[in-house]
Protein backbone atom coordinates (compact mmCIF):
# COMPACT_ATOMS: atom_id res chain seq x y z
CA UNK A 1 9.83 -2.66 18.89
CA UNK A 2 10.73 -4.98 16.02
CA UNK A 3 9.92 -3.57 12.57
CA UNK A 4 7.01 -5.27 10.85
CA UNK A 5 8.77 -5.24 7.47
CA UNK A 6 12.41 -4.74 6.51
CA UNK A 7 13.97 -4.33 3.09
CA UNK A 8 17.75 -4.71 3.17
CA UNK A 9 19.87 -3.56 0.22
CA UNK A 10 17.47 -4.66 -2.52
CA UNK A 11 18.64 -4.73 -6.12
CA UNK A 12 16.31 -5.60 -8.98
CA UNK A 13 16.44 -5.37 -12.76
CA UNK A 14 13.44 -6.26 -14.92
CA UNK A 15 14.29 -9.01 -17.42
CA UNK A 16 15.34 -7.54 -20.73
CA UNK A 17 15.84 -4.02 -19.31
CA UNK A 18 19.21 -2.36 -19.18
CA UNK A 19 18.94 -0.05 -16.19
CA UNK A 20 18.22 -1.50 -12.72
CA UNK A 21 14.92 -0.49 -11.12
CA UNK A 22 16.21 -0.88 -7.54
CA UNK A 23 19.76 0.02 -6.58
CA UNK A 24 20.32 -1.03 -2.96
CA UNK A 25 16.97 0.07 -1.48
CA UNK A 26 16.92 -0.26 2.31
CA UNK A 27 13.89 0.47 4.49
CA UNK A 28 12.46 -0.44 7.89
CA UNK A 29 8.70 -0.09 8.48
CA UNK A 30 7.37 0.25 12.05
CA UNK A 31 4.22 -1.44 13.29
CA UNK A 32 1.03 0.62 13.35
CA UNK A 33 2.38 3.56 11.35
CA UNK A 34 1.14 5.77 8.52
CA UNK A 35 3.88 5.66 5.91
CA UNK A 36 4.06 7.72 2.74
CA UNK A 37 6.45 6.46 0.06
CA UNK A 38 7.17 9.61 -1.88
CA UNK A 39 8.90 9.99 -5.22
CA UNK A 40 8.47 11.25 -8.72
CA UNK A 41 7.20 8.79 -11.32
CA UNK A 42 9.82 6.33 -12.49
CA UNK A 43 11.92 6.36 -9.32
CA UNK A 44 11.13 2.80 -8.22
CA UNK A 45 8.04 3.01 -6.00
CA UNK A 46 6.00 0.50 -7.98
CA UNK A 47 8.95 -1.88 -8.15
CA UNK A 48 9.74 -1.71 -4.45
CA UNK A 49 6.21 -2.45 -3.25
CA UNK A 50 5.72 -5.90 -4.88
CA UNK A 51 8.90 -7.01 -3.10
CA UNK A 52 7.07 -6.51 0.20
CA UNK A 53 4.82 -9.52 -0.31
CA UNK A 54 6.88 -11.64 -2.66
CA UNK A 55 5.27 -10.74 -5.99
CA UNK A 56 8.79 -9.76 -7.07
CA UNK A 57 11.94 -11.39 -5.74
CA UNK A 58 15.10 -9.29 -5.52
CA UNK A 59 18.17 -10.13 -7.57
CA UNK A 60 20.08 -9.54 -4.34
CA UNK A 61 19.25 -8.29 -0.86
CA UNK A 62 16.90 -9.54 1.84
CA UNK A 63 13.24 -8.94 2.73
CA UNK A 64 12.15 -9.74 6.30
CA UNK A 65 8.62 -9.89 7.67
CA UNK A 66 8.25 -9.88 11.46
CA UNK A 67 11.99 -10.49 11.72
CA UNK A 68 12.10 -13.54 9.48
CA UNK A 69 13.59 -13.70 6.02
CA UNK A 70 11.03 -14.29 3.28
CA UNK A 71 10.73 -17.77 1.86
CA UNK A 72 9.54 -17.96 -1.72
CA UNK A 73 7.88 -21.37 -1.75
CA UNK A 74 4.16 -21.45 -2.59
CA UNK A 75 2.93 -22.08 0.96
CA UNK A 76 5.03 -19.31 2.49
CA UNK A 77 4.02 -16.79 -0.16
CA UNK A 78 0.35 -17.62 0.27
CA UNK A 79 0.54 -16.85 3.98
CA UNK A 80 2.65 -13.73 3.41
CA UNK A 81 0.17 -12.30 0.89
CA UNK A 82 -2.63 -12.79 3.36
CA UNK A 83 -0.77 -10.70 5.93
CA UNK A 84 0.71 -8.10 3.56
CA UNK A 85 -1.92 -6.87 1.12
CA UNK A 86 -1.36 -4.61 -1.88
CA UNK A 87 -3.95 -2.39 -3.56
CA UNK A 88 -2.73 -1.54 -7.03
CA UNK A 89 -3.02 1.81 -8.78
CA UNK A 90 -5.55 0.55 -11.31
CA UNK A 91 -8.37 -1.31 -9.49
CA UNK A 92 -9.32 -3.06 -12.73
CA UNK A 93 -6.13 -5.10 -12.26
CA UNK A 94 -7.75 -6.62 -9.13
CA UNK A 95 -11.47 -6.81 -9.91
CA UNK A 96 -12.44 -9.81 -12.00
CA UNK A 97 -15.54 -11.42 -10.44
CA UNK A 98 -19.10 -10.85 -11.60
CA UNK A 99 -20.28 -9.08 -8.44
CA UNK A 100 -18.68 -7.04 -5.67
CA UNK A 101 -19.48 -9.68 -3.04
CA UNK A 102 -17.92 -12.43 -5.14
CA UNK A 103 -14.81 -10.36 -5.71
CA UNK A 104 -14.28 -9.62 -2.02
CA UNK A 105 -14.96 -13.29 -1.21
CA UNK A 106 -12.24 -14.58 -3.50
CA UNK A 107 -9.33 -14.20 -1.06
CA UNK A 108 -10.92 -15.84 2.00
CA UNK A 109 -12.35 -18.70 -0.09
CA UNK A 110 -8.96 -19.21 -1.69
CA UNK A 111 -7.52 -19.62 1.81
CA UNK A 112 -9.94 -22.46 2.38
CA UNK A 113 -12.24 -20.64 4.79
CA UNK A 114 -15.84 -21.76 5.04
CA UNK A 115 -18.75 -19.83 3.60
CA UNK A 116 -19.93 -18.57 6.99
CA UNK A 117 -16.54 -17.14 7.97
CA UNK A 118 -16.09 -15.73 4.48
CA UNK A 119 -19.43 -13.92 4.67
CA UNK A 120 -18.39 -12.43 8.02
CA UNK A 121 -15.10 -11.17 6.61
CA UNK A 122 -16.75 -9.78 3.49
CA UNK A 123 -19.34 -7.92 5.55
CA UNK A 124 -16.68 -6.48 7.88
CA UNK A 125 -14.52 -5.34 4.96
CA UNK A 126 -17.51 -3.83 3.17
CA UNK A 127 -18.53 -1.92 6.29
CA UNK A 128 -14.97 -0.64 6.79
CA UNK A 129 -14.91 0.62 3.19
CA UNK A 130 -18.53 1.84 3.29
CA UNK A 131 -19.64 -0.21 0.29
CA UNK A 132 -22.30 -2.52 1.78
CA UNK A 133 -24.86 -1.12 -0.62
CA UNK A 134 -22.65 -2.21 -3.54
CA UNK A 135 -22.25 -5.89 -2.61
CA UNK A 136 -24.70 -7.20 -5.21
CA UNK A 137 -23.69 -4.77 -7.91
CA UNK A 138 -21.67 -5.94 -10.96
CA UNK A 139 -18.04 -4.83 -10.71
CA UNK A 140 -18.09 -3.49 -14.28
CA UNK A 141 -20.85 -1.04 -13.33
CA UNK A 142 -18.83 0.72 -10.63
CA UNK A 143 -17.31 4.19 -10.78
CA UNK A 144 -13.61 4.80 -10.25
CA UNK A 145 -13.80 5.64 -6.55
CA UNK A 146 -16.13 2.71 -5.92
CA UNK A 147 -13.74 0.34 -7.67
CA UNK A 148 -10.87 1.57 -5.50
CA UNK A 149 -12.83 0.89 -2.31
CA UNK A 150 -13.93 -2.54 -3.55
CA UNK A 151 -10.32 -3.46 -4.37
CA UNK A 152 -9.31 -2.28 -0.89
CA UNK A 153 -12.13 -4.32 0.67
CA UNK A 154 -10.85 -7.39 -1.16
CA UNK A 155 -7.48 -6.91 0.50
CA UNK A 156 -9.00 -6.21 3.93
CA UNK A 157 -11.10 -9.40 3.79
CA UNK A 158 -7.79 -11.27 4.15
CA UNK A 159 -7.24 -9.49 7.49
CA UNK A 160 -3.72 -8.20 6.70
CA UNK A 161 -1.44 -6.52 9.23
CA UNK A 162 0.23 -4.41 6.50
CA UNK A 163 -1.79 -2.64 3.79
CA UNK A 164 0.11 -1.16 0.86
CA UNK A 165 -1.63 1.22 -1.55
CA UNK A 166 0.19 2.04 -4.77
CA UNK A 167 -0.93 5.47 -6.05
CA UNK A 168 -4.58 4.65 -5.33
CA UNK A 169 -5.48 8.29 -4.60
CA UNK A 170 -4.07 9.67 -7.85
CA UNK A 171 -7.23 9.47 -9.96
CA UNK A 172 -9.72 10.20 -7.16
CA UNK A 173 -11.52 13.49 -6.68
CA UNK A 174 -10.70 15.40 -3.44
CA UNK A 175 -13.78 14.12 -1.58
CA UNK A 176 -13.13 10.48 -2.43
CA UNK A 177 -9.43 10.88 -1.64
CA UNK A 178 -10.31 12.05 1.86
CA UNK A 179 -12.70 9.11 2.26
CA UNK A 180 -9.99 6.61 1.36
CA UNK A 181 -7.47 8.27 3.68
CA UNK A 182 -10.07 8.10 6.47
CA UNK A 183 -10.28 4.33 5.92
CA UNK A 184 -6.51 4.11 6.17
CA UNK A 185 -6.68 6.10 9.39
CA UNK A 186 -9.08 3.57 10.90
CA UNK A 187 -6.80 0.72 9.90
CA UNK A 188 -3.86 2.34 11.66
CA UNK A 189 -6.04 2.88 14.74
CA UNK A 190 -6.49 -0.91 14.78
CA UNK A 191 -2.72 -1.35 14.92
CA UNK A 192 -2.04 -2.06 11.25
CA UNK A 193 0.71 -0.50 9.17
CA UNK A 194 -0.47 1.39 6.08
CA UNK A 195 1.92 2.39 3.30
CA UNK A 196 0.71 4.85 0.66
CA UNK A 197 2.93 5.26 -2.38
CA UNK A 198 2.39 8.68 -3.89
CA UNK A 199 3.99 11.63 -5.62
CA UNK A 200 1.49 13.91 -3.85
CA UNK A 201 3.47 15.93 -1.31
CA UNK A 202 0.30 17.24 0.33
CA UNK A 203 -0.81 13.74 1.32
CA UNK A 204 2.67 12.92 2.58
CA UNK A 205 2.75 16.08 4.67
CA UNK A 206 -0.59 16.02 6.45
CA UNK A 207 -1.28 12.27 6.63
CA UNK A 208 1.95 10.37 7.26
CA UNK A 209 3.90 9.66 10.45
CA UNK A 210 6.88 8.51 8.40
CA UNK A 211 7.79 9.90 4.97
CA UNK A 212 10.11 7.75 2.87
CA UNK A 213 11.70 9.43 -0.14
CA UNK A 214 12.92 7.45 -3.15
CA UNK A 215 15.13 8.55 -5.99
CA UNK A 216 16.58 6.44 -8.81
CA UNK A 217 15.84 3.12 -7.12
CA UNK A 218 17.20 4.04 -3.69
CA UNK A 219 15.73 5.18 -0.39
CA UNK A 220 17.38 8.55 0.13
CA UNK A 221 15.55 9.68 3.30
CA UNK A 222 13.07 8.38 5.90
CA UNK A 223 11.85 10.68 8.68
CA UNK A 224 8.88 12.62 10.00
CA UNK A 225 7.23 14.88 7.47
CA UNK A 226 8.31 18.12 9.17
CA UNK A 227 11.96 17.07 8.96
CA UNK A 228 11.65 15.82 5.38
CA UNK A 229 10.01 18.95 4.01
CA UNK A 230 12.25 21.30 5.97
CA UNK A 231 15.25 19.86 4.10
CA UNK A 232 15.39 22.15 1.09
CA UNK A 233 18.49 20.43 -0.30
CA UNK A 234 16.71 17.06 -0.23
CA UNK A 235 13.61 18.46 -1.93
CA UNK A 236 15.73 20.02 -4.65
CA UNK A 237 17.76 16.82 -5.09
CA UNK A 238 14.72 14.60 -5.69
CA UNK A 239 12.83 17.21 -7.70
CA UNK A 240 9.91 17.69 -5.29
CA UNK A 241 8.38 20.87 -3.95
CA UNK A 242 7.32 21.93 -0.48
CA UNK A 243 3.70 20.96 0.26
CA UNK A 244 0.79 23.28 0.70
CA UNK A 245 -0.23 23.42 4.35
CA UNK A 246 -3.49 21.54 4.18
CA UNK A 247 -5.73 20.96 7.24
CA UNK A 248 -5.00 17.61 8.94
CA UNK A 249 -8.32 15.91 8.19
CA UNK A 250 -7.87 12.15 8.59
CA UNK A 251 -4.18 12.61 9.28
CA UNK A 252 -1.73 13.94 11.84
CA UNK A 253 -2.87 16.47 14.41
């Protein structure tokens, strides 16, 4: 099966910064998989992810979506960002409308969809994220976990085939974290690919099919979680510890 998304030897340096953020990162993401992108802070996770939907463009290297090399013209990027959605670590970076319903509606309306189809997509996304009771609430009045689910609903209203979540579980309490992972589980059951960037080894162990390990701007390993965490030399090299054996709620059996 053709990978849904491929990153081939990506190099990237932020303007005005001395050290490169990506140093030849190469990764292939399968369709319909739970993927954990695991690394310590500062190793390149949050730089790699915006390359997946064209927010950042590599200095060198190639990004392919469904086998085709990314084009960076406005029309191509608009379509790509509909199909590859990113939920950022801080939901306040994504929530800017007066009400929850307006915020979730922004993407479909921006695509030129009619009001009737937009309402259908907003309702479906709200039901998936279990926030229908929040649709008329002001976004500024939401709690942290509610904001995360609203930001996710805004991405899902675009009907993406790849959903990327950058450290969205970090600030959530354990109950809300399990709720968000359960949403991701349902998305994968629908055939979508979900990528969760995290430094939480417990999530990577019990939730992911594929664990991708980054270190200093490179992908240093990509395998099933049992293989990754059994490699003591790898764990020591990237400065991570073995996970606690948590029950597989919302994750792998």
